[in-house]
Amino acid sequence: RMAREAGCFTPGASRNYWAVTDPALARFAELVRAAERERCAKLC
């Protein structure tokens, strides 16, 4: 879900085809960091 939200997927391609550009990878990394921060905050 995060990879798709970041734009790491080519619409219309097969399910296993991911197109990752540098900007999409940066967005994906930030989404992953944000999710991990929220998991830590929920633990608190």
All heavy atoms as atom14 arrays in JSON, in Angstrom:
{
  "sequence": "RMAREAGCFTPGASRNYWAVTDPALARFAELVRAAERERCAKLC",
  "atom14_mask": [
    [1, 1, 1, 1, 1, 1, 1, 1, 1, 1, 1, 0, 0, 0],
    [1, 1, 1, 1, 1, 1, 1, 1, 0, 0, 0, 0, 0, 0],
    [1, 1, 1, 1, 1, 0, 0, 0, 0, 0, 0, 0, 0, 0],
    [1, 1, 1, 1, 1, 1, 1, 1, 1, 1, 1, 0, 0, 0],
    [1, 1, 1, 1, 1, 1, 1, 1, 1, 0, 0, 0, 0, 0],
    [1, 1, 1, 1, 1, 0, 0, 0, 0, 0, 0, 0, 0, 0],
    [1, 1, 1, 1, 0, 0, 0, 0, 0, 0, 0, 0, 0, 0],
    [1, 1, 1, 1, 1, 1, 0, 0, 0, 0, 0, 0, 0, 0],
    [1, 1, 1, 1, 1, 1, 1, 1, 1, 1, 1, 0, 0, 0],
    [1, 1, 1, 1, 1, 1, 1, 0, 0, 0, 0, 0, 0, 0],
    [1, 1, 1, 1, 1, 1, 1, 0, 0, 0, 0, 0, 0, 0],
    [1, 1, 1, 1, 0, 0, 0, 0, 0, 0, 0, 0, 0, 0],
    [1, 1, 1, 1, 1, 0, 0, 0, 0, 0, 0, 0, 0, 0],
    [1, 1, 1, 1, 1, 1, 0, 0, 0, 0, 0, 0, 0, 0],
    [1, 1, 1, 1, 1, 1, 1, 1, 1, 1, 1, 0, 0, 0],
    [1, 1, 1, 1, 1, 1, 1, 1, 0, 0, 0, 0, 0, 0],
    [1, 1, 1, 1, 1, 1, 1, 1, 1, 1, 1, 1, 0, 0],
    [1, 1, 1, 1, 1, 1, 1, 1, 1, 1, 1, 1, 1, 1],
    [1, 1, 1, 1, 1, 0, 0, 0, 0, 0, 0, 0, 0, 0],
    [1, 1, 1, 1, 1, 1, 1, 0, 0, 0, 0, 0, 0, 0],
    [1, 1, 1, 1, 1, 1, 1, 0, 0, 0, 0, 0, 0, 0],
    [1, 1, 1, 1, 1, 1, 1, 1, 0, 0, 0, 0, 0, 0],
    [1, 1, 1, 1, 1, 1, 1, 0, 0, 0, 0, 0, 0, 0],
    [1, 1, 1, 1, 1, 0, 0, 0, 0, 0, 0, 0, 0, 0],
    [1, 1, 1, 1, 1, 1, 1, 1, 0, 0, 0, 0, 0, 0],
    [1, 1, 1, 1, 1, 0, 0, 0, 0, 0, 0, 0, 0, 0],
    [1, 1, 1, 1, 1, 1, 1, 1, 1, 1, 1, 0, 0, 0],
    [1, 1, 1, 1, 1, 1, 1, 1, 1, 1, 1, 0, 0, 0],
    [1, 1, 1, 1, 1, 0, 0, 0, 0, 0, 0, 0, 0, 0],
    [1, 1, 1, 1, 1, 1, 1, 1, 1, 0, 0, 0, 0, 0],
    [1, 1, 1, 1, 1, 1, 1, 1, 0, 0, 0, 0, 0, 0],
    [1, 1, 1, 1, 1, 1, 1, 0, 0, 0, 0, 0, 0, 0],
    [1, 1, 1, 1, 1, 1, 1, 1, 1, 1, 1, 0, 0, 0],
    [1, 1, 1, 1, 1, 0, 0, 0, 0, 0, 0, 0, 0, 0],
    [1, 1, 1, 1, 1, 0, 0, 0, 0, 0, 0, 0, 0, 0],
    [1, 1, 1, 1, 1, 1, 1, 1, 1, 0, 0, 0, 0, 0],
    [1, 1, 1, 1, 1, 1, 1, 1, 1, 1, 1, 0, 0, 0],
    [1, 1, 1, 1, 1, 1, 1, 1, 1, 0, 0, 0, 0, 0],
    [1, 1, 1, 1, 1, 1, 1, 1, 1, 1, 1, 0, 0, 0],
    [1, 1, 1, 1, 1, 1, 0, 0, 0, 0, 0, 0, 0, 0],
    [1, 1, 1, 1, 1, 0, 0, 0, 0, 0, 0, 0, 0, 0],
    [1, 1, 1, 1, 1, 1, 1, 1, 1, 0, 0, 0, 0, 0],
    [1, 1, 1, 1, 1, 1, 1, 1, 0, 0, 0, 0, 0, 0],
    [1, 1, 1, 1, 1, 1, 0, 0, 0, 0, 0, 0, 0, 0]
  ],
  "atom14_positions": [
    [[0.83, -1.2, 0.0], [0.0, 0.0, 0.0], [0.86, 1.26, 0.0], [0.62, 2.19, -0.76], [-0.94, 0.0, 1.21], [-1.86, 1.23, 1.25], [-2.5, 1.43, 2.61], [-1.57, 1.55, 3.7], [-0.83, 2.64, 3.97], [-0.89, 3.7, 3.19], [-0.01, 2.67, 5.01], [0.0, 0.0, 0.0], [0.0, 0.0, 0.0], [0.0, 0.0, 0.0]],
    [[1.89, 1.27, 0.84], [2.77, 2.44, 0.9], [3.55, 2.62, -0.4], [3.72, 3.76, -0.87], [3.74, 2.32, 2.08], [3.08, 2.56, 3.42], [4.24, 2.64, 4.8], [4.56, 0.89, 5.06], [0.0, 0.0, 0.0], [0.0, 0.0, 0.0], [0.0, 0.0, 0.0], [0.0, 0.0, 0.0], [0.0, 0.0, 0.0], [0.0, 0.0, 0.0]],
    [[3.99, 1.53, -1.0], [4.71, 1.62, -2.26], [3.81, 2.19, -3.36], [4.23, 3.05, -4.14], [5.24, 0.24, -2.67], [0.0, 0.0, 0.0], [0.0, 0.0, 0.0], [0.0, 0.0, 0.0], [0.0, 0.0, 0.0], [0.0, 0.0, 0.0], [0.0, 0.0, 0.0], [0.0, 0.0, 0.0], [0.0, 0.0, 0.0], [0.0, 0.0, 0.0]],
    [[2.58, 1.73, -3.4], [1.63, 2.27, -4.39], [1.37, 3.75, -4.12], [1.35, 4.57, -5.05], [0.33, 1.49, -4.37], [0.43, 0.13, -4.98], [-0.91, -0.62, -4.86], [-0.8, -1.96, -5.36], [-1.01, -2.32, -6.62], [-1.33, -1.42, -7.51], [-0.89, -3.57, -6.98], [0.0, 0.0, 0.0], [0.0, 0.0, 0.0], [0.0, 0.0, 0.0]],
    [[1.18, 4.1, -2.85], [0.92, 5.5, -2.5], [2.1, 6.39, -2.89], [1.91, 7.54, -3.29], [0.67, 5.61, -0.99], [0.3, 6.99, -0.52], [0.02, 7.04, 0.96], [-0.42, 6.03, 1.55], [0.24, 8.12, 1.55], [0.0, 0.0, 0.0], [0.0, 0.0, 0.0], [0.0, 0.0, 0.0], [0.0, 0.0, 0.0], [0.0, 0.0, 0.0]],
    [[3.31, 5.85, -2.8], [4.51, 6.62, -3.14], [4.73, 6.71, -4.64], [5.57, 7.49, -5.1], [5.73, 5.97, -2.48], [0.0, 0.0, 0.0], [0.0, 0.0, 0.0], [0.0, 0.0, 0.0], [0.0, 0.0, 0.0], [0.0, 0.0, 0.0], [0.0, 0.0, 0.0], [0.0, 0.0, 0.0], [0.0, 0.0, 0.0], [0.0, 0.0, 0.0]],
    [[3.99, 5.94, -5.42], [4.14, 5.97, -6.86], [5.14, 4.98, -7.4], [5.72, 5.18, -8.46], [0.0, 0.0, 0.0], [0.0, 0.0, 0.0], [0.0, 0.0, 0.0], [0.0, 0.0, 0.0], [0.0, 0.0, 0.0], [0.0, 0.0, 0.0], [0.0, 0.0, 0.0], [0.0, 0.0, 0.0], [0.0, 0.0, 0.0], [0.0, 0.0, 0.0]],
    [[5.39, 3.91, -6.67], [6.36, 2.9, -7.07], [5.73, 1.79, -7.9], [6.25, 0.69, -7.96], [7.01, 2.28, -5.83], [7.94, 3.43, -4.83], [0.0, 0.0, 0.0], [0.0, 0.0, 0.0], [0.0, 0.0, 0.0], [0.0, 0.0, 0.0], [0.0, 0.0, 0.0], [0.0, 0.0, 0.0], [0.0, 0.0, 0.0], [0.0, 0.0, 0.0]],
    [[4.64, 2.05, -8.54], [3.95, 1.02, -9.31], [3.55, 1.59, -10.65], [3.1, 2.73, -10.74], [2.71, 0.56, -8.55], [1.93, -0.52, -9.25], [2.41, -1.81, -9.33], [0.71, -0.23, -9.84], [1.69, -2.8, -9.98], [-0.01, -1.21, -10.5], [0.49, -2.51, -10.56], [0.0, 0.0, 0.0], [0.0, 0.0, 0.0], [0.0, 0.0, 0.0]],
    [[3.71, 0.83, -11.68], [3.29, 1.26, -13.0], [1.88, 0.74, -13.25], [1.68, -0.47, -13.38], [4.24, 0.72, -14.08], [5.55, 1.18, -13.8], [3.82, 1.19, -15.45], [0.0, 0.0, 0.0], [0.0, 0.0, 0.0], [0.0, 0.0, 0.0], [0.0, 0.0, 0.0], [0.0, 0.0, 0.0], [0.0, 0.0, 0.0], [0.0, 0.0, 0.0]],
    [[0.88, 1.62, -13.27], [-0.49, 1.17, -13.51], [-0.61, 0.43, -14.84], [0.02, 0.8, -15.81], [-1.3, 2.48, -13.54], [-0.45, 3.45, -12.8], [0.98, 3.05, -13.08], [0.0, 0.0, 0.0], [0.0, 0.0, 0.0], [0.0, 0.0, 0.0], [0.0, 0.0, 0.0], [0.0, 0.0, 0.0], [0.0, 0.0, 0.0], [0.0, 0.0, 0.0]],
    [[-1.38, -0.62, -14.83], [-1.6, -1.4, -16.04], [-0.57, -2.5, -16.24], [-0.77, -3.38, -17.05], [0.0, 0.0, 0.0], [0.0, 0.0, 0.0], [0.0, 0.0, 0.0], [0.0, 0.0, 0.0], [0.0, 0.0, 0.0], [0.0, 0.0, 0.0], [0.0, 0.0, 0.0], [0.0, 0.0, 0.0], [0.0, 0.0, 0.0], [0.0, 0.0, 0.0]],
    [[0.52, -2.46, -15.49], [1.52, -3.52, -15.61], [1.09, -4.7, -14.75], [0.16, -4.6, -13.95], [2.88, -2.99, -15.15], [0.0, 0.0, 0.0], [0.0, 0.0, 0.0], [0.0, 0.0, 0.0], [0.0, 0.0, 0.0], [0.0, 0.0, 0.0], [0.0, 0.0, 0.0], [0.0, 0.0, 0.0], [0.0, 0.0, 0.0], [0.0, 0.0, 0.0]],
    [[1.79, -5.8, -14.91], [1.45, -6.96, -14.1], [1.65, -6.65, -12.63], [2.38, -5.74, -12.27], [2.32, -8.16, -14.49], [3.63, -7.98, -14.01], [0.0, 0.0, 0.0], [0.0, 0.0, 0.0], [0.0, 0.0, 0.0], [0.0, 0.0, 0.0], [0.0, 0.0, 0.0], [0.0, 0.0, 0.0], [0.0, 0.0, 0.0], [0.0, 0.0, 0.0]],
    [[1.02, -7.41, -11.79], [1.06, -7.17, -10.34], [2.48, -7.18, -9.79], [2.78, -6.53, -8.8], [0.21, -8.24, -9.64], [0.22, -8.17, -8.15], [-0.78, -9.17, -7.58], [-0.55, -9.48, -6.2], [-0.86, -8.71, -5.17], [-1.41, -7.56, -5.38], [-0.63, -9.09, -3.94], [0.0, 0.0, 0.0], [0.0, 0.0, 0.0], [0.0, 0.0, 0.0]],
    [[3.37, -7.89, -10.4], [4.73, -8.03, -9.89], [5.72, -7.03, -10.48], [6.91, -7.15, -10.28], [5.24, -9.46, -10.12], [4.45, -10.46, -9.33], [4.09, -10.21, -8.19], [4.15, -11.58, -9.94], [0.0, 0.0, 0.0], [0.0, 0.0, 0.0], [0.0, 0.0, 0.0], [0.0, 0.0, 0.0], [0.0, 0.0, 0.0], [0.0, 0.0, 0.0]],
    [[5.24, -6.06, -11.24], [6.14, -5.1, -11.86], [6.1, -3.79, -11.09], [5.07, -3.15, -10.97], [5.76, -4.86, -13.32], [6.67, -3.87, -14.0], [7.95, -4.23, -14.38], [6.24, -2.57, -14.23], [8.79, -3.32, -14.98], [7.08, -1.65, -14.84], [8.36, -2.04, -15.22], [9.19, -1.13, -15.81], [0.0, 0.0, 0.0], [0.0, 0.0, 0.0]],
    [[7.22, -3.41, -10.53], [7.33, -2.17, -9.78], [8.33, -1.26, -10.47], [9.44, -1.67, -10.8], [7.81, -2.45, -8.35], [6.81, -3.23, -7.58], [6.73, -4.59, -7.48], [5.72, -2.72, -6.84], [5.66, -4.96, -6.7], [5.02, -3.82, -6.29], [5.26, -1.44, -6.55], [3.89, -3.68, -5.5], [4.13, -1.3, -5.76], [3.46, -2.41, -5.25]],
    [[7.94, -0.04, -10.72], [8.83, 0.95, -11.32], [9.19, 1.96, -10.24], [8.34, 2.71, -9.77], [8.12, 1.65, -12.48], [0.0, 0.0, 0.0], [0.0, 0.0, 0.0], [0.0, 0.0, 0.0], [0.0, 0.0, 0.0], [0.0, 0.0, 0.0], [0.0, 0.0, 0.0], [0.0, 0.0, 0.0], [0.0, 0.0, 0.0], [0.0, 0.0, 0.0]],
    [[10.42, 1.94, -9.82], [10.84, 2.78, -8.71], [11.81, 3.84, -9.2], [12.92, 3.53, -9.62], [11.5, 1.95, -7.59], [11.89, 2.82, -6.43], [10.57, 0.84, -7.14], [0.0, 0.0, 0.0], [0.0, 0.0, 0.0], [0.0, 0.0, 0.0], [0.0, 0.0, 0.0], [0.0, 0.0, 0.0], [0.0, 0.0, 0.0], [0.0, 0.0, 0.0]],
    [[11.38, 5.08, -9.15], [12.26, 6.2, -9.47], [12.84, 6.75, -8.17], [12.37, 6.41, -7.08], [11.47, 7.32, -10.17], [10.46, 7.8, -9.27], [10.81, 6.83, -11.46], [0.0, 0.0, 0.0], [0.0, 0.0, 0.0], [0.0, 0.0, 0.0], [0.0, 0.0, 0.0], [0.0, 0.0, 0.0], [0.0, 0.0, 0.0], [0.0, 0.0, 0.0]],
    [[13.85, 7.56, -8.27], [14.45, 8.15, -7.06], [13.42, 8.93, -6.24], [13.35, 8.75, -5.02], [15.64, 9.03, -7.41], [16.86, 8.22, -7.83], [16.88, 7.0, -7.61], [17.79, 8.83, -8.37], [0.0, 0.0, 0.0], [0.0, 0.0, 0.0], [0.0, 0.0, 0.0], [0.0, 0.0, 0.0], [0.0, 0.0, 0.0], [0.0, 0.0, 0.0]],
    [[12.6, 9.79, -6.86], [11.6, 10.51, -6.06], [10.58, 9.57, -5.42], [10.17, 9.77, -4.27], [10.93, 11.45, -7.07], [11.92, 11.62, -8.16], [12.64, 10.31, -8.24], [0.0, 0.0, 0.0], [0.0, 0.0, 0.0], [0.0, 0.0, 0.0], [0.0, 0.0, 0.0], [0.0, 0.0, 0.0], [0.0, 0.0, 0.0], [0.0, 0.0, 0.0]],
    [[10.15, 8.54, -6.15], [9.19, 7.59, -5.58], [9.82, 6.82, -4.42], [9.17, 6.59, -3.4], [8.7, 6.61, -6.65], [0.0, 0.0, 0.0], [0.0, 0.0, 0.0], [0.0, 0.0, 0.0], [0.0, 0.0, 0.0], [0.0, 0.0, 0.0], [0.0, 0.0, 0.0], [0.0, 0.0, 0.0], [0.0, 0.0, 0.0], [0.0, 0.0, 0.0]],
    [[11.08, 6.45, -4.55], [11.76, 5.75, -3.48], [11.89, 6.64, -2.25], [11.69, 6.18, -1.12], [13.14, 5.28, -3.95], [13.92, 4.42, -2.97], [13.15, 3.15, -2.61], [15.28, 4.07, -3.57], [0.0, 0.0, 0.0], [0.0, 0.0, 0.0], [0.0, 0.0, 0.0], [0.0, 0.0, 0.0], [0.0, 0.0, 0.0], [0.0, 0.0, 0.0]],
    [[12.16, 7.91, -2.44], [12.25, 8.85, -1.31], [10.89, 8.98, -0.62], [10.82, 9.0, 0.62], [12.74, 10.21, -1.79], [0.0, 0.0, 0.0], [0.0, 0.0, 0.0], [0.0, 0.0, 0.0], [0.0, 0.0, 0.0], [0.0, 0.0, 0.0], [0.0, 0.0, 0.0], [0.0, 0.0, 0.0], [0.0, 0.0, 0.0], [0.0, 0.0, 0.0]],
    [[9.81, 9.07, -1.39], [8.46, 9.15, -0.81], [8.14, 7.86, -0.04], [7.58, 7.9, 1.06], [7.41, 9.39, -1.89], [7.41, 10.81, -2.43], [6.19, 11.08, -3.32], [6.11, 10.2, -4.48], [6.67, 10.42, -5.65], [7.38, 11.53, -5.86], [6.52, 9.58, -6.65], [0.0, 0.0, 0.0], [0.0, 0.0, 0.0], [0.0, 0.0, 0.0]],
    [[8.49, 6.73, -0.63], [8.25, 5.44, 0.02], [9.0, 5.38, 1.35], [8.45, 4.98, 2.38], [8.67, 4.3, -0.9], [8.55, 2.94, -0.27], [7.3, 2.4, 0.02], [9.67, 2.2, 0.04], [7.19, 1.14, 0.6], [9.57, 0.94, 0.61], [8.32, 0.42, 0.89], [0.0, 0.0, 0.0], [0.0, 0.0, 0.0], [0.0, 0.0, 0.0]],
    [[10.27, 5.78, 1.35], [11.07, 5.76, 2.58], [10.43, 6.65, 3.65], [10.39, 6.27, 4.83], [12.49, 6.21, 2.28], [0.0, 0.0, 0.0], [0.0, 0.0, 0.0], [0.0, 0.0, 0.0], [0.0, 0.0, 0.0], [0.0, 0.0, 0.0], [0.0, 0.0, 0.0], [0.0, 0.0, 0.0], [0.0, 0.0, 0.0], [0.0, 0.0, 0.0]],
    [[9.92, 7.81, 3.27], [9.29, 8.68, 4.25], [8.0, 8.06, 4.78], [7.71, 8.17, 5.98], [9.0, 10.06, 3.66], [8.34, 11.03, 4.63], [9.05, 11.13, 5.99], [10.29, 11.13, 6.03], [8.34, 11.19, 7.01], [0.0, 0.0, 0.0], [0.0, 0.0, 0.0], [0.0, 0.0, 0.0], [0.0, 0.0, 0.0], [0.0, 0.0, 0.0]],
    [[7.23, 7.4, 3.94], [6.02, 6.71, 4.4], [6.36, 5.61, 5.39], [5.67, 5.44, 6.41], [5.24, 6.14, 3.22], [4.54, 7.16, 2.32], [4.0, 6.48, 1.06], [3.42, 7.86, 3.07], [0.0, 0.0, 0.0], [0.0, 0.0, 0.0], [0.0, 0.0, 0.0], [0.0, 0.0, 0.0], [0.0, 0.0, 0.0], [0.0, 0.0, 0.0]],
    [[7.43, 4.87, 5.12], [7.84, 3.8, 6.03], [8.29, 4.4, 7.36], [7.93, 3.92, 8.42], [8.96, 2.94, 5.39], [9.55, 1.97, 6.4], [8.41, 2.18, 4.19], [0.0, 0.0, 0.0], [0.0, 0.0, 0.0], [0.0, 0.0, 0.0], [0.0, 0.0, 0.0], [0.0, 0.0, 0.0], [0.0, 0.0, 0.0], [0.0, 0.0, 0.0]],
    [[9.09, 5.48, 7.31], [9.52, 6.14, 8.55], [8.34, 6.65, 9.35], [8.29, 6.5, 10.58], [10.49, 7.29, 8.24], [11.88, 6.84, 7.88], [12.85, 8.02, 7.83], [12.53, 8.98, 6.79], [13.0, 8.93, 5.55], [13.81, 7.97, 5.18], [12.67, 9.86, 4.68], [0.0, 0.0, 0.0], [0.0, 0.0, 0.0], [0.0, 0.0, 0.0]],
    [[7.37, 7.26, 8.68], [6.19, 7.79, 9.37], [5.39, 6.67, 10.02], [4.91, 6.81, 11.16], [5.32, 8.58, 8.4], [0.0, 0.0, 0.0], [0.0, 0.0, 0.0], [0.0, 0.0, 0.0], [0.0, 0.0, 0.0], [0.0, 0.0, 0.0], [0.0, 0.0, 0.0], [0.0, 0.0, 0.0], [0.0, 0.0, 0.0], [0.0, 0.0, 0.0]],
    [[5.25, 5.55, 9.31], [4.51, 4.41, 9.88], [5.23, 3.87, 11.11], [4.59, 3.53, 12.12], [4.34, 3.31, 8.82], [0.0, 0.0, 0.0], [0.0, 0.0, 0.0], [0.0, 0.0, 0.0], [0.0, 0.0, 0.0], [0.0, 0.0, 0.0], [0.0, 0.0, 0.0], [0.0, 0.0, 0.0], [0.0, 0.0, 0.0], [0.0, 0.0, 0.0]],
    [[6.54, 3.8, 11.06], [7.31, 3.29, 12.2], [7.22, 4.26, 13.39], [7.08, 3.83, 14.54], [8.77, 3.06, 11.82], [9.6, 2.44, 12.9], [9.12, 1.06, 13.34], [8.36, 0.4, 12.59], [9.49, 0.64, 14.45], [0.0, 0.0, 0.0], [0.0, 0.0, 0.0], [0.0, 0.0, 0.0], [0.0, 0.0, 0.0], [0.0, 0.0, 0.0]],
    [[7.29, 5.55, 13.11], [7.12, 6.54, 14.2], [5.77, 6.38, 14.86], [5.65, 6.42, 16.09], [7.28, 7.97, 13.66], [8.71, 8.39, 13.42], [8.82, 9.88, 13.15], [7.98, 10.34, 12.06], [8.39, 10.43, 10.79], [9.61, 10.09, 10.45], [7.56, 10.87, 9.86], [0.0, 0.0, 0.0], [0.0, 0.0, 0.0], [0.0, 0.0, 0.0]],
    [[4.72, 6.19, 14.06], [3.38, 6.05, 14.63], [3.27, 4.77, 15.45], [2.64, 4.76, 16.5], [2.32, 6.09, 13.53], [0.91, 6.08, 14.05], [0.58, 7.2, 15.04], [1.22, 8.27, 15.03], [-0.35, 7.0, 15.86], [0.0, 0.0, 0.0], [0.0, 0.0, 0.0], [0.0, 0.0, 0.0], [0.0, 0.0, 0.0], [0.0, 0.0, 0.0]],
    [[3.88, 3.68, 14.98], [3.87, 2.44, 15.77], [4.54, 2.66, 17.12], [4.06, 2.19, 18.15], [4.56, 1.31, 15.02], [3.66, 0.58, 14.05], [4.29, -0.71, 13.54], [5.3, -0.48, 12.53], [5.06, -0.3, 11.25], [3.81, -0.32, 10.81], [6.03, -0.12, 10.39], [0.0, 0.0, 0.0], [0.0, 0.0, 0.0], [0.0, 0.0, 0.0]],
    [[5.66, 3.38, 17.12], [6.36, 3.67, 18.39], [5.51, 4.55, 19.29], [5.44, 4.32, 20.5], [7.7, 4.34, 18.1], [8.91, 3.25, 17.32], [0.0, 0.0, 0.0], [0.0, 0.0, 0.0], [0.0, 0.0, 0.0], [0.0, 0.0, 0.0], [0.0, 0.0, 0.0], [0.0, 0.0, 0.0], [0.0, 0.0, 0.0], [0.0, 0.0, 0.0]],
    [[4.88, 5.56, 18.71], [4.03, 6.45, 19.5], [2.84, 5.69, 20.1], [2.46, 5.93, 21.26], [3.54, 7.61, 18.65], [0.0, 0.0, 0.0], [0.0, 0.0, 0.0], [0.0, 0.0, 0.0], [0.0, 0.0, 0.0], [0.0, 0.0, 0.0], [0.0, 0.0, 0.0], [0.0, 0.0, 0.0], [0.0, 0.0, 0.0], [0.0, 0.0, 0.0]],
    [[2.27, 4.77, 19.34], [1.15, 3.97, 19.87], [1.6, 3.09, 21.02], [0.84, 2.87, 21.97], [0.53, 3.13, 18.75], [-0.33, 3.95, 17.82], [-0.96, 3.1, 16.75], [-1.84, 3.96, 15.86], [-2.47, 3.19, 14.8], [0.0, 0.0, 0.0], [0.0, 0.0, 0.0], [0.0, 0.0, 0.0], [0.0, 0.0, 0.0], [0.0, 0.0, 0.0]],
    [[2.82, 2.6, 20.96], [3.36, 1.82, 22.07], [3.45, 2.7, 23.32], [3.08, 2.28, 24.42], [4.73, 1.25, 21.71], [5.4, 0.38, 22.76], [4.55, -0.83, 23.1], [6.77, -0.05, 22.28], [0.0, 0.0, 0.0], [0.0, 0.0, 0.0], [0.0, 0.0, 0.0], [0.0, 0.0, 0.0], [0.0, 0.0, 0.0], [0.0, 0.0, 0.0]],
    [[3.91, 3.93, 23.16], [3.93, 4.87, 24.28], [2.53, 5.14, 24.81], [2.33, 5.24, 26.02], [4.59, 6.19, 23.87], [6.35, 6.05, 23.54], [0.0, 0.0, 0.0], [0.0, 0.0, 0.0], [0.0, 0.0, 0.0], [0.0, 0.0, 0.0], [0.0, 0.0, 0.0], [0.0, 0.0, 0.0], [0.0, 0.0, 0.0], [0.0, 0.0, 0.0]]
  ]
}
